[in-house]
Amino acid sequence: MDSISVNQFRDNLKTYVEQTVSEHEPIKVTRRAGEAFIVMSAEDWEREQETLYVLQNSRLMQQIADSVLTHNNKAGYKPTQEQLDEIINI
């Protein structure tokens, strides 16, 4: 993550915003007398919020763990060829 001063950010706001959105990389903006803050795209922020929701939900985490075990044991659901064709629109 790049770290820039608030003055650099202010002077090149458009460039940094475009960089953050296009590269999906947050930027840390530091202030001389105060706490730093992070600039990130709305899409990336929403993705982070979804990830946090899943990680904090014990039921979802248990379902994921159960699915990994099933997958590793090759005991999971196996769709038919017809179902696979429907999924990939053949």
Protein backbone atom coordinates (compact mmCIF):
# COMPACT_ATOMS: atom_id res chain seq x y z
CA MET A 1 0.00 0.00 0.00
CA ASP A 2 1.36 3.39 -0.98
CA SER A 3 1.63 6.04 1.70
CA ILE A 4 1.42 9.74 0.80
CA SER A 5 1.01 13.00 2.66
CA VAL A 6 -2.33 14.74 2.80
CA ASN A 7 -0.77 17.61 0.81
CA GLN A 8 0.30 15.25 -1.99
CA PHE A 9 -3.17 13.72 -1.97
CA ARG A 10 -4.91 17.08 -2.14
CA ASP A 11 -2.64 18.37 -4.92
CA ASN A 12 -3.17 15.25 -7.06
CA LEU A 13 -6.63 14.18 -5.95
CA LYS A 14 -7.94 13.14 -9.38
CA THR A 15 -4.82 11.07 -10.17
CA TYR A 16 -4.88 9.25 -6.83
CA VAL A 17 -8.60 8.53 -7.03
CA GLU A 18 -8.28 7.14 -10.55
CA GLN A 19 -5.27 5.05 -9.47
CA THR A 20 -7.13 3.67 -6.47
CA VAL A 21 -10.18 2.71 -8.51
CA SER A 22 -8.33 1.24 -11.49
CA GLU A 23 -5.61 -0.66 -9.60
CA HIS A 24 -7.82 -1.76 -6.68
CA GLU A 25 -5.04 -0.77 -4.29
CA PRO A 26 -5.82 1.43 -1.28
CA ILE A 27 -3.69 4.46 -0.47
CA LYS A 28 -2.70 5.50 3.06
CA VAL A 29 -2.85 9.26 3.51
CA THR A 30 -0.83 10.61 6.43
CA ARG A 31 -1.39 13.86 8.25
CA ARG A 32 1.30 15.75 10.11
CA ALA A 33 -0.79 16.33 13.23
CA GLY A 34 -3.35 13.57 13.31
CA GLU A 35 -4.19 10.05 12.39
CA ALA A 36 -3.73 8.68 8.90
CA PHE A 37 -6.67 7.52 6.78
CA ILE A 38 -7.17 5.09 3.92
CA VAL A 39 -8.62 5.84 0.49
CA MET A 40 -10.08 2.88 -1.38
CA SER A 41 -12.65 2.28 -4.10
CA ALA A 42 -16.27 1.68 -3.12
CA GLU A 43 -16.16 -1.71 -4.86
CA ASP A 44 -13.16 -2.79 -2.78
CA TRP A 45 -14.75 -1.49 0.43
CA GLU A 46 -17.95 -3.45 -0.26
CA ARG A 47 -15.89 -6.59 -0.93
CA GLU A 48 -14.05 -6.09 2.39
CA GLN A 49 -17.35 -5.68 4.23
CA GLU A 50 -18.70 -8.91 2.73
CA THR A 51 -15.53 -10.75 3.73
CA LEU A 52 -15.76 -9.44 7.29
CA TYR A 53 -19.40 -10.49 7.48
CA VAL A 54 -18.54 -14.06 6.45
CA LEU A 55 -15.55 -14.26 8.79
CA GLN A 56 -17.62 -13.04 11.74
CA ASN A 57 -20.53 -15.41 11.05
CA SER A 58 -19.78 -18.71 12.79
CA ARG A 59 -22.50 -20.59 10.87
CA LEU A 60 -21.10 -19.56 7.50
CA MET A 61 -17.56 -20.40 8.58
CA GLN A 62 -18.73 -23.84 9.71
CA GLN A 63 -20.47 -24.40 6.35
CA ILE A 64 -17.24 -23.46 4.56
CA ALA A 65 -15.22 -25.83 6.77
CA ASP A 66 -17.71 -28.64 6.15
CA SER A 67 -17.56 -28.00 2.40
CA VAL A 68 -13.76 -28.15 2.42
CA LEU A 69 -13.86 -31.51 4.21
CA THR A 70 -16.45 -32.85 1.77
CA HIS A 71 -14.40 -31.64 -1.17
CA ASN A 72 -11.15 -33.09 0.18
CA ASN A 73 -12.87 -36.44 0.74
CA LYS A 74 -14.32 -36.28 -2.80
CA ALA A 75 -17.74 -36.85 -1.24
CA GLY A 76 -19.41 -33.69 -2.49
CA TYR A 77 -22.30 -33.28 -4.86
CA LYS A 78 -21.46 -34.13 -8.47
CA PRO A 79 -23.75 -32.55 -11.07
CA THR A 80 -24.79 -34.53 -14.12
CA GLN A 81 -23.44 -33.63 -17.54
CA GLU A 82 -26.83 -32.11 -18.36
CA GLN A 83 -26.62 -29.87 -15.30
CA LEU A 84 -23.08 -28.86 -16.17
CA ASP A 85 -24.14 -28.00 -19.73
CA GLU A 86 -26.96 -25.87 -18.36
CA ILE A 87 -24.58 -24.05 -16.03
CA ILE A 88 -22.16 -23.16 -18.81
CA ASN A 89 -24.97 -22.52 -21.34
CA ILE A 90 -24.10 -25.13 -23.92
